[in-house]
């Protein structure tokens, strides 16, 4: 091993300049330059229903924040509708048939006062319920 005078580190190799081991890394490294059409395609994919930005970013070797930035830039240039644009619409609510009272669950109330249990549904009025509770207490 030789001490490199410039970096003060030990180099794994001889001093004659022959490299004893060379490792080749495959795949993209460093900064990628993407065309506008490629960015637009990735942004469009991230806007599909059910798409998750993190998964789209991982698939294309980008970060979530890059995709969010690309979306913002396309919106500013008019390439995408903005979130608050008047073209945003909601699906109309359609009720095919009115709810039947039998399908509405009844809320039951059960009050135990000593060994007496009062059972009723939630349709009882507050005043009426307090009268029943007073009557039960006085009867004990």
N, C-alpha and C. Protein backbone atom coordinates (compact mmCIF):
# COMPACT_ATOMS: atom_id res chain seq x y z
N UNK A 1 0.84 -1.18 0.00
CA UNK A 1 0.00 0.00 0.00
C UNK A 1 0.88 1.24 0.00
N UNK A 2 0.37 2.24 -0.69
CA UNK A 2 1.13 3.47 -0.87
C UNK A 2 0.32 4.61 -0.29
N UNK A 3 0.97 5.54 0.38
CA UNK A 3 0.30 6.72 0.90
C UNK A 3 0.26 7.77 -0.20
N UNK A 4 -0.94 8.22 -0.53
CA UNK A 4 -1.10 9.25 -1.55
C UNK A 4 -0.80 10.60 -0.91
N UNK A 5 0.13 11.31 -1.47
CA UNK A 5 0.56 12.59 -0.91
C UNK A 5 -0.49 13.67 -1.01
N UNK A 6 -1.39 13.60 -1.96
CA UNK A 6 -2.38 14.65 -2.15
C UNK A 6 -3.56 14.49 -1.19
N UNK A 7 -3.95 13.26 -0.92
CA UNK A 7 -5.16 13.04 -0.14
C UNK A 7 -4.89 12.46 1.24
N UNK A 8 -3.67 12.11 1.56
CA UNK A 8 -3.29 11.49 2.83
C UNK A 8 -4.12 10.25 3.12
N UNK A 9 -4.31 9.41 2.11
CA UNK A 9 -5.01 8.14 2.28
C UNK A 9 -4.16 7.04 1.67
N UNK A 10 -4.39 5.83 2.11
CA UNK A 10 -3.68 4.69 1.55
C UNK A 10 -4.42 4.19 0.32
N UNK A 11 -3.71 3.98 -0.74
CA UNK A 11 -4.30 3.48 -1.97
C UNK A 11 -4.03 1.99 -2.09
N UNK A 12 -5.04 1.26 -2.54
CA UNK A 12 -4.89 -0.18 -2.74
C UNK A 12 -4.34 -0.40 -4.14
N UNK A 13 -3.08 -0.41 -4.29
CA UNK A 13 -2.47 -0.59 -5.60
C UNK A 13 -0.99 -0.27 -5.53
N UNK A 14 -0.33 -0.62 -6.57
CA UNK A 14 1.12 -0.36 -6.60
C UNK A 14 1.38 1.08 -7.00
N UNK A 15 2.60 1.51 -6.82
CA UNK A 15 2.95 2.88 -7.15
C UNK A 15 3.26 3.05 -8.63
N UNK A 16 3.21 1.97 -9.40
CA UNK A 16 3.53 2.07 -10.82
C UNK A 16 2.34 2.53 -11.65
N UNK A 17 1.17 2.70 -11.02
CA UNK A 17 0.02 3.18 -11.75
C UNK A 17 -0.90 2.08 -12.24
N UNK A 18 -0.61 0.83 -11.91
CA UNK A 18 -1.48 -0.26 -12.32
C UNK A 18 -2.59 -0.41 -11.28
N UNK A 19 -3.80 -0.49 -11.71
CA UNK A 19 -4.95 -0.64 -10.82
C UNK A 19 -5.15 -2.11 -10.53
N UNK A 20 -5.20 -2.46 -9.25
CA UNK A 20 -5.37 -3.87 -8.90
C UNK A 20 -6.83 -4.30 -8.95
N UNK A 21 -7.75 -3.38 -8.75
CA UNK A 21 -9.15 -3.74 -8.77
C UNK A 21 -9.93 -2.55 -9.33
N UNK A 22 -10.85 -2.83 -10.26
CA UNK A 22 -11.67 -1.80 -10.85
C UNK A 22 -13.11 -2.24 -10.75
N UNK A 23 -13.96 -1.41 -10.17
CA UNK A 23 -15.36 -1.74 -10.00
C UNK A 23 -16.18 -0.86 -10.91
N UNK A 24 -17.04 -1.47 -11.74
CA UNK A 24 -17.87 -0.74 -12.68
C UNK A 24 -19.29 -0.73 -12.14
N UNK A 25 -19.84 0.44 -11.95
CA UNK A 25 -21.22 0.59 -11.49
C UNK A 25 -22.10 0.85 -12.70
N UNK A 26 -23.15 0.08 -12.81
CA UNK A 26 -24.06 0.25 -13.93
C UNK A 26 -25.28 1.03 -13.50
N UNK A 27 -25.95 1.63 -14.44
CA UNK A 27 -27.17 2.37 -14.16
C UNK A 27 -26.90 3.86 -14.15
N UNK A 28 -27.99 4.62 -14.08
CA UNK A 28 -27.84 6.08 -14.12
C UNK A 28 -27.19 6.60 -12.84
N UNK A 29 -26.30 7.52 -13.00
CA UNK A 29 -25.67 8.16 -11.85
C UNK A 29 -25.71 9.65 -12.06
N UNK A 30 -25.65 10.35 -10.99
CA UNK A 30 -25.62 11.80 -11.11
C UNK A 30 -26.96 12.39 -11.50
N UNK A 31 -26.90 13.56 -12.04
CA UNK A 31 -28.10 14.31 -12.39
C UNK A 31 -28.63 13.87 -13.74
N UNK A 32 -29.94 13.64 -13.82
CA UNK A 32 -30.56 13.28 -15.09
C UNK A 32 -31.19 14.49 -15.73
N UNK A 33 -31.08 14.57 -17.01
CA UNK A 33 -31.74 15.63 -17.76
C UNK A 33 -32.89 14.99 -18.53
N UNK A 34 -34.11 15.42 -18.20
CA UNK A 34 -35.29 14.84 -18.84
C UNK A 34 -35.90 15.86 -19.79
N UNK A 35 -36.42 15.35 -20.88
CA UNK A 35 -37.09 16.22 -21.84
C UNK A 35 -38.46 16.62 -21.30
N UNK A 36 -39.02 17.66 -21.87
CA UNK A 36 -40.35 18.13 -21.45
C UNK A 36 -41.40 17.05 -21.68
N UNK A 37 -41.27 16.32 -22.80
CA UNK A 37 -42.26 15.29 -23.08
C UNK A 37 -42.16 14.15 -22.06
N UNK A 38 -40.94 13.82 -21.64
CA UNK A 38 -40.78 12.77 -20.63
C UNK A 38 -41.36 13.21 -19.29
N UNK A 39 -41.11 14.48 -18.92
CA UNK A 39 -41.68 15.00 -17.68
C UNK A 39 -43.20 15.00 -17.74
N UNK A 40 -43.74 15.42 -18.89
CA UNK A 40 -45.20 15.46 -19.05
C UNK A 40 -45.79 14.07 -18.94
N UNK A 41 -45.12 13.08 -19.51
CA UNK A 41 -45.61 11.70 -19.43
C UNK A 41 -45.60 11.20 -17.99
N UNK A 42 -44.54 11.51 -17.24
CA UNK A 42 -44.46 11.08 -15.84
C UNK A 42 -45.51 11.78 -14.99
N UNK A 43 -45.71 13.09 -15.23
CA UNK A 43 -46.73 13.84 -14.49
C UNK A 43 -48.11 13.28 -14.80
N UNK A 44 -48.39 12.99 -16.06
CA UNK A 44 -49.69 12.43 -16.43
C UNK A 44 -49.92 11.08 -15.75
N UNK A 45 -48.88 10.27 -15.67
CA UNK A 45 -48.99 8.98 -15.00
C UNK A 45 -49.27 9.17 -13.52
N UNK A 46 -48.68 10.19 -12.91
CA UNK A 46 -48.89 10.43 -11.47
C UNK A 46 -50.29 10.95 -11.18
N UNK A 47 -50.97 11.49 -12.19
CA UNK A 47 -52.31 12.04 -12.00
C UNK A 47 -53.42 11.03 -12.29
N UNK A 48 -53.07 9.82 -12.71
CA UNK A 48 -54.08 8.81 -12.98
C UNK A 48 -54.78 8.42 -11.69
N UNK A 49 -56.07 8.07 -11.76
CA UNK A 49 -56.79 7.66 -10.55
C UNK A 49 -56.11 6.45 -9.91
N UNK A 50 -55.88 6.55 -8.61
CA UNK A 50 -55.28 5.45 -7.87
C UNK A 50 -53.76 5.44 -7.90
N UNK A 51 -53.15 6.32 -8.67
CA UNK A 51 -51.69 6.35 -8.75
C UNK A 51 -51.12 7.01 -7.51
N UNK A 52 -50.00 6.47 -7.02
CA UNK A 52 -49.30 7.07 -5.89
C UNK A 52 -48.02 7.71 -6.41
N UNK A 53 -47.81 8.95 -6.04
CA UNK A 53 -46.68 9.71 -6.55
C UNK A 53 -45.37 9.02 -6.20
N UNK A 54 -45.25 8.48 -5.00
CA UNK A 54 -44.00 7.83 -4.58
C UNK A 54 -43.69 6.63 -5.47
N UNK A 55 -44.70 5.85 -5.83
CA UNK A 55 -44.48 4.68 -6.69
C UNK A 55 -44.09 5.10 -8.10
N UNK A 56 -44.75 6.13 -8.63
CA UNK A 56 -44.42 6.61 -9.97
C UNK A 56 -42.99 7.15 -9.98
N UNK A 57 -42.63 7.88 -8.93
CA UNK A 57 -41.28 8.44 -8.85
C UNK A 57 -40.24 7.33 -8.79
N UNK A 58 -40.48 6.33 -7.98
CA UNK A 58 -39.54 5.20 -7.86
C UNK A 58 -39.39 4.48 -9.19
N UNK A 59 -40.50 4.31 -9.89
CA UNK A 59 -40.49 3.61 -11.17
C UNK A 59 -39.62 4.32 -12.20
N UNK A 60 -39.63 5.66 -12.17
CA UNK A 60 -38.91 6.44 -13.17
C UNK A 60 -37.58 6.99 -12.66
N UNK A 61 -37.17 6.60 -11.45
CA UNK A 61 -35.89 7.07 -10.93
C UNK A 61 -35.89 8.55 -10.58
N UNK A 62 -37.03 9.05 -10.10
CA UNK A 62 -37.15 10.45 -9.70
C UNK A 62 -37.56 10.49 -8.23
N UNK A 63 -37.72 11.69 -7.70
CA UNK A 63 -38.22 11.84 -6.34
C UNK A 63 -39.64 12.39 -6.38
N UNK A 64 -40.35 12.21 -5.27
CA UNK A 64 -41.71 12.74 -5.19
C UNK A 64 -41.71 14.24 -5.43
N UNK A 65 -40.71 14.90 -4.82
CA UNK A 65 -40.68 16.36 -4.90
C UNK A 65 -40.44 16.85 -6.32
N UNK A 66 -39.69 16.09 -7.10
CA UNK A 66 -39.51 16.47 -8.51
C UNK A 66 -40.84 16.43 -9.24
N UNK A 67 -41.61 15.37 -8.99
CA UNK A 67 -42.90 15.24 -9.67
C UNK A 67 -43.85 16.35 -9.24
N UNK A 68 -43.87 16.65 -7.93
CA UNK A 68 -44.72 17.75 -7.46
C UNK A 68 -44.28 19.09 -8.10
N UNK A 69 -42.98 19.29 -8.22
CA UNK A 69 -42.47 20.50 -8.85
C UNK A 69 -42.85 20.56 -10.33
N UNK A 70 -42.73 19.43 -11.03
CA UNK A 70 -43.12 19.39 -12.45
C UNK A 70 -44.60 19.69 -12.60
N UNK A 71 -45.44 19.15 -11.71
CA UNK A 71 -46.87 19.43 -11.76
C UNK A 71 -47.12 20.93 -11.63
N UNK A 72 -46.47 21.54 -10.63
CA UNK A 72 -46.65 22.96 -10.38
C UNK A 72 -46.24 23.77 -11.61
N UNK A 73 -45.12 23.43 -12.20
CA UNK A 73 -44.64 24.17 -13.37
C UNK A 73 -45.58 24.01 -14.57
N UNK A 74 -46.10 22.80 -14.79
CA UNK A 74 -47.05 22.59 -15.89
C UNK A 74 -48.33 23.38 -15.65
N UNK A 75 -48.79 23.45 -14.39
CA UNK A 75 -49.99 24.23 -14.08
C UNK A 75 -49.76 25.71 -14.33
N UNK A 76 -48.58 26.21 -13.94
CA UNK A 76 -48.29 27.63 -14.14
C UNK A 76 -48.27 28.00 -15.63
N UNK A 77 -47.82 27.08 -16.47
CA UNK A 77 -47.77 27.34 -17.91
C UNK A 77 -49.09 27.04 -18.59
N UNK A 78 -50.05 26.54 -17.83
CA UNK A 78 -51.35 26.22 -18.41
C UNK A 78 -51.43 24.83 -19.00
N UNK A 79 -50.44 24.00 -18.73
CA UNK A 79 -50.44 22.63 -19.24
C UNK A 79 -51.37 21.71 -18.47
N UNK A 80 -51.67 22.07 -17.23
CA UNK A 80 -52.58 21.29 -16.39
C UNK A 80 -53.60 22.23 -15.78
N UNK A 81 -54.82 21.77 -15.57
CA UNK A 81 -55.79 22.63 -14.87
C UNK A 81 -55.37 22.77 -13.41
N UNK A 82 -55.54 23.96 -12.85
CA UNK A 82 -55.19 24.15 -11.45
C UNK A 82 -56.25 23.53 -10.57
N UNK A 83 -55.91 23.31 -9.32
CA UNK A 83 -56.82 22.65 -8.39
C UNK A 83 -58.08 23.47 -8.15
N UNK A 84 -57.97 24.80 -8.21
CA UNK A 84 -59.12 25.66 -7.94
C UNK A 84 -59.77 26.20 -9.21
N UNK A 85 -59.50 25.56 -10.33
CA UNK A 85 -60.07 26.06 -11.59
C UNK A 85 -61.55 25.74 -11.66
N UNK A 86 -62.32 26.55 -12.40
CA UNK A 86 -63.76 26.30 -12.49
C UNK A 86 -64.09 25.03 -13.27
N UNK A 87 -63.12 24.41 -13.94
CA UNK A 87 -63.42 23.19 -14.66
C UNK A 87 -63.51 21.99 -13.73
N UNK A 88 -63.10 22.17 -12.47
CA UNK A 88 -63.22 21.08 -11.51
C UNK A 88 -64.69 20.86 -11.23
N UNK A 89 -65.12 19.62 -11.31
CA UNK A 89 -66.53 19.34 -11.08
C UNK A 89 -66.65 18.10 -10.20
N UNK A 90 -67.80 17.95 -9.63
CA UNK A 90 -68.09 16.80 -8.79
C UNK A 90 -69.19 15.98 -9.45
N UNK A 91 -69.21 14.72 -9.15
CA UNK A 91 -70.26 13.85 -9.67
C UNK A 91 -71.56 14.20 -8.96
N UNK A 92 -72.67 14.23 -9.68
CA UNK A 92 -73.94 14.55 -9.02
C UNK A 92 -74.38 13.42 -8.09
N UNK A 93 -75.04 13.80 -7.02
CA UNK A 93 -75.58 12.83 -6.08
C UNK A 93 -76.93 12.36 -6.61
N UNK A 94 -77.07 11.05 -6.76
CA UNK A 94 -78.31 10.48 -7.26
C UNK A 94 -78.84 9.51 -6.22
N UNK A 95 -80.04 9.76 -5.73
CA UNK A 95 -80.69 8.87 -4.78
C UNK A 95 -81.79 8.15 -5.55
N UNK A 96 -81.65 6.85 -5.67
CA UNK A 96 -82.60 6.09 -6.48
C UNK A 96 -83.95 5.95 -5.80
N UNK A 97 -83.96 5.72 -4.52
CA UNK A 97 -85.21 5.60 -3.79
C UNK A 97 -85.01 6.12 -2.39
N UNK A 98 -86.04 6.66 -1.78
CA UNK A 98 -85.87 7.20 -0.43
C UNK A 98 -85.56 6.08 0.56
N UNK A 99 -84.83 6.46 1.62
CA UNK A 99 -84.50 5.47 2.64
C UNK A 99 -85.77 5.02 3.35
N UNK A 100 -85.88 3.75 3.52
CA UNK A 100 -87.01 3.18 4.25
C UNK A 100 -86.70 3.24 5.74
N UNK A 101 -87.68 3.59 6.54
CA UNK A 101 -87.45 3.71 7.98
C UNK A 101 -87.01 2.40 8.59
N UNK A 102 -87.35 1.29 7.96
CA UNK A 102 -86.95 0.00 8.50
C UNK A 102 -85.45 -0.22 8.40
N UNK A 103 -84.80 0.46 7.45
CA UNK A 103 -83.37 0.28 7.26
C UNK A 103 -82.54 1.18 8.17
N UNK A 104 -83.17 2.18 8.77
CA UNK A 104 -82.46 3.08 9.67
C UNK A 104 -82.31 2.36 11.01
N UNK A 105 -81.08 2.15 11.49
CA UNK A 105 -80.90 1.43 12.74
C UNK A 105 -81.46 2.23 13.92
N UNK A 106 -82.15 1.56 14.79
CA UNK A 106 -82.71 2.18 15.98
C UNK A 106 -81.65 2.20 17.07
N UNK A 107 -81.45 3.34 17.67
CA UNK A 107 -80.51 3.47 18.77
C UNK A 107 -81.28 3.19 20.05
N UNK A 108 -80.83 2.21 20.76
CA UNK A 108 -81.48 1.82 22.00
C UNK A 108 -80.76 2.43 23.18
N UNK A 109 -81.52 2.86 24.18
CA UNK A 109 -80.98 3.39 25.41
C UNK A 109 -81.39 2.47 26.55
N UNK A 110 -80.44 2.13 27.38
CA UNK A 110 -80.72 1.26 28.52
C UNK A 110 -80.12 1.92 29.76
N UNK A 111 -80.98 2.20 30.76
CA UNK A 111 -80.54 2.87 31.98
C UNK A 111 -80.87 1.95 33.15
N UNK A 112 -79.83 1.63 33.95
CA UNK A 112 -80.02 0.78 35.13
C UNK A 112 -79.99 1.68 36.36
N UNK A 113 -81.07 1.66 37.14
CA UNK A 113 -81.15 2.41 38.40
C UNK A 113 -81.40 1.38 39.48
N UNK A 114 -80.33 1.00 40.18
CA UNK A 114 -80.44 -0.07 41.18
C UNK A 114 -80.74 -1.37 40.47
N UNK A 115 -81.84 -2.03 40.87
CA UNK A 115 -82.23 -3.28 40.24
C UNK A 115 -83.28 -3.07 39.15
N UNK A 116 -83.60 -1.83 38.84
CA UNK A 116 -84.60 -1.51 37.80
C UNK A 116 -83.86 -1.07 36.54
N UNK A 117 -84.28 -1.62 35.39
CA UNK A 117 -83.69 -1.27 34.10
C UNK A 117 -84.76 -0.63 33.23
N UNK A 118 -84.46 0.57 32.70
CA UNK A 118 -85.37 1.28 31.81
C UNK A 118 -84.78 1.19 30.41
N UNK A 119 -85.57 0.64 29.47
CA UNK A 119 -85.12 0.52 28.08
C UNK A 119 -86.05 1.34 27.19
N UNK A 120 -85.42 2.12 26.27
CA UNK A 120 -86.18 2.92 25.33
C UNK A 120 -85.33 3.15 24.09
N UNK A 121 -85.91 3.81 23.09
CA UNK A 121 -85.11 4.16 21.91
C UNK A 121 -84.76 5.63 21.97
N UNK A 122 -83.93 6.08 21.06
CA UNK A 122 -83.44 7.45 21.08
C UNK A 122 -84.50 8.46 20.69
N UNK A 123 -85.66 8.01 20.27
CA UNK A 123 -86.72 8.93 19.85
C UNK A 123 -87.42 9.57 21.05
N UNK A 124 -87.15 9.10 22.26
CA UNK A 124 -87.79 9.67 23.44
C UNK A 124 -87.25 11.08 23.69
N UNK A 125 -88.10 11.96 24.09
CA UNK A 125 -87.69 13.34 24.35
C UNK A 125 -86.95 13.45 25.68
N UNK A 126 -86.16 14.50 25.79
CA UNK A 126 -85.35 14.70 27.01
C UNK A 126 -86.24 14.89 28.24
N UNK A 127 -87.28 15.66 28.08
CA UNK A 127 -88.19 15.93 29.20
C UNK A 127 -88.91 14.66 29.64
N UNK A 128 -89.34 13.89 28.67
CA UNK A 128 -90.05 12.65 28.97
C UNK A 128 -89.13 11.65 29.67
N UNK A 129 -87.87 11.56 29.22
CA UNK A 129 -86.91 10.64 29.82
C UNK A 129 -86.59 11.05 31.26
N UNK A 130 -86.43 12.34 31.50
CA UNK A 130 -86.14 12.78 32.88
C UNK A 130 -87.32 12.50 33.80
N UNK A 131 -88.56 12.58 33.32
CA UNK A 131 -89.74 12.25 34.14
C UNK A 131 -89.75 10.77 34.50
N UNK A 132 -89.37 9.92 33.53
CA UNK A 132 -89.34 8.46 33.80
C UNK A 132 -88.27 8.16 34.84
N UNK A 133 -87.11 8.80 34.73
CA UNK A 133 -86.03 8.53 35.68
C UNK A 133 -86.43 9.00 37.08
N UNK A 134 -87.08 10.19 37.20
CA UNK A 134 -87.54 10.68 38.51
C UNK A 134 -88.58 9.73 39.10
N UNK A 135 -89.47 9.23 38.26
CA UNK A 135 -90.51 8.31 38.75
C UNK A 135 -89.89 7.02 39.26
N UNK A 136 -88.89 6.51 38.60
CA UNK A 136 -88.21 5.28 39.03
C UNK A 136 -87.49 5.52 40.34
N UNK A 137 -86.82 6.66 40.49
CA UNK A 137 -86.08 6.96 41.72
C UNK A 137 -87.02 7.09 42.91
N UNK A 138 -88.16 7.75 42.72
CA UNK A 138 -89.09 7.93 43.85
C UNK A 138 -89.81 6.66 44.22
N UNK A 139 -89.92 5.72 43.30
CA UNK A 139 -90.63 4.47 43.60
C UNK A 139 -89.77 3.50 44.41
N UNK A 140 -88.48 3.77 44.52
CA UNK A 140 -87.59 2.85 45.22
C UNK A 140 -87.65 3.04 46.66
